[in-house]
Amino acid sequence: PPVALAATAQLAGWRDALQDRLPL
């Protein structure tokens, strides 16, 4: 469903944002 796709994309973006801040 569209809601699940949006949540998946948001989760992937959140993980990518954290990945860049792992050294901090």
PDB file of all heavy atoms in Angstrom:
ATOM      1  N   PRO A   1       0.841  -1.202   0.000  1.00  0.00           N
ATOM      2  CA  PRO A   1       0.000   0.000   0.000  1.00  0.00           C
ATOM      3  C   PRO A   1       0.869   1.242   0.000  1.00  0.00           C
ATOM      4  O   PRO A   1       2.031   1.216   0.412  1.00  0.00           O
ATOM      5  CB  PRO A   1      -0.810  -0.134   1.294  1.00  0.00           C
ATOM      6  CG  PRO A   1      -0.019  -1.060   2.158  1.00  0.00           C
ATOM      7  CD  PRO A   1       0.692  -1.991   1.225  1.00  0.00           C
ATOM      8  N   PRO A   2       0.329   2.357  -0.456  1.00  0.00           N
ATOM      9  CA  PRO A   2       1.107   3.604  -0.515  1.00  0.00           C
ATOM     10  C   PRO A   2       1.667   4.026   0.843  1.00  0.00           C
ATOM     11  O   PRO A   2       2.778   4.560   0.923  1.00  0.00           O
ATOM     12  CB  PRO A   2       0.099   4.627  -1.057  1.00  0.00           C
ATOM     13  CG  PRO A   2      -0.912   3.794  -1.788  1.00  0.00           C
ATOM     14  CD  PRO A   2      -1.006   2.504  -1.041  1.00  0.00           C
ATOM     15  N   VAL A   3       0.886   3.794   1.916  1.00  0.00           N
ATOM     16  CA  VAL A   3       1.364   4.196   3.245  1.00  0.00           C
ATOM     17  C   VAL A   3       2.616   3.413   3.619  1.00  0.00           C
ATOM     18  O   VAL A   3       3.578   3.957   4.168  1.00  0.00           O
ATOM     19  CB  VAL A   3       0.247   3.982   4.293  1.00  0.00           C
ATOM     20  CG1 VAL A   3       0.776   4.277   5.685  1.00  0.00           C
ATOM     21  CG2 VAL A   3      -0.954   4.866   3.984  1.00  0.00           C
ATOM     22  N   ALA A   4       2.625   2.093   3.302  1.00  0.00           N
ATOM     23  CA  ALA A   4       3.793   1.270   3.623  1.00  0.00           C
ATOM     24  C   ALA A   4       4.999   1.700   2.797  1.00  0.00           C
ATOM     25  O   ALA A   4       6.123   1.732   3.295  1.00  0.00           O
ATOM     26  CB  ALA A   4       3.479  -0.205   3.376  1.00  0.00           C
ATOM     27  N   LEU A   5       4.768   2.032   1.514  1.00  0.00           N
ATOM     28  CA  LEU A   5       5.882   2.484   0.690  1.00  0.00           C
ATOM     29  C   LEU A   5       6.464   3.788   1.220  1.00  0.00           C
ATOM     30  O   LEU A   5       7.685   3.973   1.248  1.00  0.00           O
ATOM     31  CB  LEU A   5       5.398   2.685  -0.750  1.00  0.00           C
ATOM     32  CG  LEU A   5       5.120   1.410  -1.557  1.00  0.00           C
ATOM     33  CD1 LEU A   5       4.467   1.757  -2.881  1.00  0.00           C
ATOM     34  CD2 LEU A   5       6.420   0.634  -1.780  1.00  0.00           C
ATOM     35  N   ALA A   6       5.581   4.700   1.631  1.00  0.00           N
ATOM     36  CA  ALA A   6       6.066   5.974   2.172  1.00  0.00           C
ATOM     37  C   ALA A   6       6.842   5.753   3.464  1.00  0.00           C
ATOM     38  O   ALA A   6       7.892   6.368   3.701  1.00  0.00           O
ATOM     39  CB  ALA A   6       4.886   6.920   2.419  1.00  0.00           C
ATOM     40  N   ALA A   7       6.339   4.845   4.334  1.00  0.00           N
ATOM     41  CA  ALA A   7       7.034   4.563   5.590  1.00  0.00           C
ATOM     42  C   ALA A   7       8.391   3.922   5.342  1.00  0.00           C
ATOM     43  O   ALA A   7       9.374   4.224   6.018  1.00  0.00           O
ATOM     44  CB  ALA A   7       6.168   3.651   6.468  1.00  0.00           C
ATOM     45  N   THR A   8       8.439   3.026   4.341  1.00  0.00           N
ATOM     46  CA  THR A   8       9.699   2.377   4.004  1.00  0.00           C
ATOM     47  C   THR A   8      10.718   3.390   3.503  1.00  0.00           C
ATOM     48  O   THR A   8      11.898   3.367   3.889  1.00  0.00           O
ATOM     49  CB  THR A   8       9.464   1.297   2.937  1.00  0.00           C
ATOM     50  OG1 THR A   8       8.530   0.354   3.427  1.00  0.00           O
ATOM     51  CG2 THR A   8      10.765   0.599   2.593  1.00  0.00           C
ATOM     52  N   ALA A   9      10.270   4.288   2.640  1.00  0.00           N
ATOM     53  CA  ALA A   9      11.172   5.319   2.126  1.00  0.00           C
ATOM     54  C   ALA A   9      11.656   6.234   3.246  1.00  0.00           C
ATOM     55  O   ALA A   9      12.833   6.629   3.294  1.00  0.00           O
ATOM     56  CB  ALA A   9      10.476   6.120   1.036  1.00  0.00           C
ATOM     57  N   GLN A  10      10.751   6.581   4.162  1.00  0.00           N
ATOM     58  CA  GLN A  10      11.126   7.443   5.278  1.00  0.00           C
ATOM     59  C   GLN A  10      12.132   6.750   6.192  1.00  0.00           C
ATOM     60  O   GLN A  10      13.101   7.360   6.663  1.00  0.00           O
ATOM     61  CB  GLN A  10       9.884   7.842   6.067  1.00  0.00           C
ATOM     62  CG  GLN A  10      10.170   8.829   7.197  1.00  0.00           C
ATOM     63  CD  GLN A  10       8.899   9.243   7.903  1.00  0.00           C
ATOM     64  OE1 GLN A  10       7.831   8.685   7.655  1.00  0.00           O
ATOM     65  NE2 GLN A  10       9.000  10.210   8.801  1.00  0.00           N
ATOM     66  N   LEU A  11      11.922   5.437   6.439  1.00  0.00           N
ATOM     67  CA  LEU A  11      12.846   4.681   7.279  1.00  0.00           C
ATOM     68  C   LEU A  11      14.218   4.584   6.626  1.00  0.00           C
ATOM     69  O   LEU A  11      15.255   4.746   7.282  1.00  0.00           O
ATOM     70  CB  LEU A  11      12.288   3.281   7.536  1.00  0.00           C
ATOM     71  CG  LEU A  11      13.136   2.344   8.406  1.00  0.00           C
ATOM     72  CD1 LEU A  11      13.349   2.952   9.791  1.00  0.00           C
ATOM     73  CD2 LEU A  11      12.471   0.976   8.523  1.00  0.00           C
ATOM     74  N   ALA A  12      14.241   4.325   5.324  1.00  0.00           N
ATOM     75  CA  ALA A  12      15.519   4.258   4.613  1.00  0.00           C
ATOM     76  C   ALA A  12      16.246   5.603   4.660  1.00  0.00           C
ATOM     77  O   ALA A  12      17.466   5.656   4.847  1.00  0.00           O
ATOM     78  CB  ALA A  12      15.280   3.829   3.170  1.00  0.00           C
ATOM     79  N   GLY A  13      15.507   6.695   4.514  1.00  0.00           N
ATOM     80  CA  GLY A  13      16.135   8.010   4.603  1.00  0.00           C
ATOM     81  C   GLY A  13      16.671   8.298   5.989  1.00  0.00           C
ATOM     82  O   GLY A  13      17.749   8.897   6.135  1.00  0.00           O
ATOM     83  N   TRP A  14      15.934   7.866   7.007  1.00  0.00           N
ATOM     84  CA  TRP A  14      16.381   8.054   8.386  1.00  0.00           C
ATOM     85  C   TRP A  14      17.664   7.283   8.643  1.00  0.00           C
ATOM     86  O   TRP A  14      18.605   7.781   9.266  1.00  0.00           O
ATOM     87  CB  TRP A  14      15.265   7.612   9.321  1.00  0.00           C
ATOM     88  CG  TRP A  14      15.628   7.649  10.768  1.00  0.00           C
ATOM     89  CD1 TRP A  14      15.709   8.749  11.564  1.00  0.00           C
ATOM     90  CD2 TRP A  14      15.942   6.527  11.595  1.00  0.00           C
ATOM     91  NE1 TRP A  14      16.066   8.380  12.838  1.00  0.00           N
ATOM     92  CE2 TRP A  14      16.211   7.020  12.888  1.00  0.00           C
ATOM     93  CE3 TRP A  14      16.010   5.151  11.366  1.00  0.00           C
ATOM     94  CZ2 TRP A  14      16.546   6.181  13.940  1.00  0.00           C
ATOM     95  CZ3 TRP A  14      16.352   4.320  12.415  1.00  0.00           C
ATOM     96  CH2 TRP A  14      16.616   4.830  13.686  1.00  0.00           C
ATOM     97  N   ARG A  15      17.744   6.053   8.126  1.00  0.00           N
ATOM     98  CA  ARG A  15      18.950   5.252   8.318  1.00  0.00           C
ATOM     99  C   ARG A  15      20.140   5.867   7.566  1.00  0.00           C
ATOM    100  O   ARG A  15      21.254   5.877   8.070  1.00  0.00           O
ATOM    101  CB  ARG A  15      18.714   3.821   7.817  1.00  0.00           C
ATOM    102  CG  ARG A  15      17.601   3.053   8.512  1.00  0.00           C
ATOM    103  CD  ARG A  15      17.952   2.645   9.902  1.00  0.00           C
ATOM    104  NE  ARG A  15      19.091   1.752   9.972  1.00  0.00           N
ATOM    105  CZ  ARG A  15      19.408   1.049  11.063  1.00  0.00           C
ATOM    106  NH1 ARG A  15      18.663   1.150  12.147  1.00  0.00           N
ATOM    107  NH2 ARG A  15      20.465   0.271  11.073  1.00  0.00           N
ATOM    108  N   ASP A  16      19.883   6.370   6.370  1.00  0.00           N
ATOM    109  CA  ASP A  16      20.968   6.998   5.609  1.00  0.00           C
ATOM    110  C   ASP A  16      21.490   8.243   6.328  1.00  0.00           C
ATOM    111  O   ASP A  16      22.700   8.509   6.343  1.00  0.00           O
ATOM    112  CB  ASP A  16      20.483   7.368   4.209  1.00  0.00           C
ATOM    113  CG  ASP A  16      20.217   6.135   3.350  1.00  0.00           C
ATOM    114  OD1 ASP A  16      20.779   5.067   3.679  1.00  0.00           O
ATOM    115  OD2 ASP A  16      19.442   6.243   2.378  1.00  0.00           O
ATOM    116  N   ALA A  17      20.574   9.011   6.922  1.00  0.00           N
ATOM    117  CA  ALA A  17      20.997  10.208   7.654  1.00  0.00           C
ATOM    118  C   ALA A  17      21.852   9.844   8.856  1.00  0.00           C
ATOM    119  O   ALA A  17      22.854  10.511   9.149  1.00  0.00           O
ATOM    120  CB  ALA A  17      19.772  11.013   8.087  1.00  0.00           C
ATOM    121  N   LEU A  18      21.476   8.768   9.564  1.00  0.00           N
ATOM    122  CA  LEU A  18      22.275   8.328  10.709  1.00  0.00           C
ATOM    123  C   LEU A  18      23.619   7.764  10.262  1.00  0.00           C
ATOM    124  O   LEU A  18      24.631   7.927  10.954  1.00  0.00           O
ATOM    125  CB  LEU A  18      21.513   7.272  11.513  1.00  0.00           C
ATOM    126  CG  LEU A  18      20.478   7.782  12.516  1.00  0.00           C
ATOM    127  CD1 LEU A  18      19.819   6.612  13.234  1.00  0.00           C
ATOM    128  CD2 LEU A  18      21.120   8.716  13.534  1.00  0.00           C
ATOM    129  N   GLN A  19      23.628   7.095   9.120  1.00  0.00           N
ATOM    130  CA  GLN A  19      24.867   6.498   8.620  1.00  0.00           C
ATOM    131  C   GLN A  19      25.944   7.567   8.447  1.00  0.00           C
ATOM    132  O   GLN A  19      27.123   7.330   8.743  1.00  0.00           O
ATOM    133  CB  GLN A  19      24.600   5.786   7.294  1.00  0.00           C
ATOM    134  CG  GLN A  19      25.802   5.063   6.713  1.00  0.00           C
ATOM    135  CD  GLN A  19      26.163   3.809   7.496  1.00  0.00           C
ATOM    136  OE1 GLN A  19      25.286   3.121   7.995  1.00  0.00           O
ATOM    137  NE2 GLN A  19      27.456   3.530   7.594  1.00  0.00           N
ATOM    138  N   ASP A  20      25.545   8.742   7.985  1.00  0.00           N
ATOM    139  CA  ASP A  20      26.505   9.815   7.782  1.00  0.00           C
ATOM    140  C   ASP A  20      27.018  10.401   9.096  1.00  0.00           C
ATOM    141  O   ASP A  20      28.073  11.054   9.112  1.00  0.00           O
ATOM    142  CB  ASP A  20      25.879  10.935   6.941  1.00  0.00           C
ATOM    143  CG  ASP A  20      25.508  10.451   5.540  1.00  0.00           C
ATOM    144  OD1 ASP A  20      26.136   9.477   5.072  1.00  0.00           O
ATOM    145  OD2 ASP A  20      24.594  11.036   4.939  1.00  0.00           O
ATOM    146  N   ARG A  21      26.278  10.172  10.177  1.00  0.00           N
ATOM    147  CA  ARG A  21      26.650  10.751  11.472  1.00  0.00           C
ATOM    148  C   ARG A  21      27.236   9.733  12.440  1.00  0.00           C
ATOM    149  O   ARG A  21      27.405  10.035  13.633  1.00  0.00           O
ATOM    150  CB  ARG A  21      25.429  11.432  12.095  1.00  0.00           C
ATOM    151  CG  ARG A  21      24.984  12.679  11.337  1.00  0.00           C
ATOM    152  CD  ARG A  21      23.623  13.148  11.791  1.00  0.00           C
ATOM    153  NE  ARG A  21      23.262  14.409  11.155  1.00  0.00           N
ATOM    154  CZ  ARG A  21      22.799  14.525   9.921  1.00  0.00           C
ATOM    155  NH1 ARG A  21      22.655  13.432   9.164  1.00  0.00           N
ATOM    156  NH2 ARG A  21      22.501  15.705   9.415  1.00  0.00           N
ATOM    157  N   LEU A  22      27.540   8.539  11.971  1.00  0.00           N
ATOM    158  CA  LEU A  22      28.107   7.516  12.849  1.00  0.00           C
ATOM    159  C   LEU A  22      29.436   7.946  13.475  1.00  0.00           C
ATOM    160  O   LEU A  22      29.677   7.653  14.656  1.00  0.00           O
ATOM    161  CB  LEU A  22      28.280   6.203  12.081  1.00  0.00           C
ATOM    162  CG  LEU A  22      26.988   5.475  11.689  1.00  0.00           C
ATOM    163  CD1 LEU A  22      27.312   4.138  11.034  1.00  0.00           C
ATOM    164  CD2 LEU A  22      26.076   5.277  12.882  1.00  0.00           C
ATOM    165  N   PRO A  23      30.335   8.615  12.748  1.00  0.00           N
ATOM    166  CA  PRO A  23      31.570   9.076  13.406  1.00  0.00           C
ATOM    167  C   PRO A  23      31.307  10.011  14.582  1.00  0.00           C
ATOM    168  O   PRO A  23      31.995   9.937  15.609  1.00  0.00           O
ATOM    169  CB  PRO A  23      32.323   9.789  12.287  1.00  0.00           C
ATOM    170  CG  PRO A  23      31.827   9.146  11.029  1.00  0.00           C
ATOM    171  CD  PRO A  23      30.379   8.854  11.283  1.00  0.00           C
ATOM    172  N   LEU A  24      30.287  10.879  14.459  1.00  0.00           N
ATOM    173  CA  LEU A  24      29.955  11.776  15.562  1.00  0.00           C
ATOM    174  C   LEU A  24      29.410  10.982  16.749  1.00  0.00           C
ATOM    175  O   LEU A  24      29.732  11.274  17.912  1.00  0.00           O
ATOM    176  CB  LEU A  24      28.934  12.816  15.101  1.00  0.00           C
ATOM    177  CG  LEU A  24      28.440  13.790  16.166  1.00  0.00           C
ATOM    178  CD1 LEU A  24      29.597  14.601  16.731  1.00  0.00           C
ATOM    179  CD2 LEU A  24      27.357  14.706  15.591  1.00  0.00           C
TER     180      LEU A  24
END
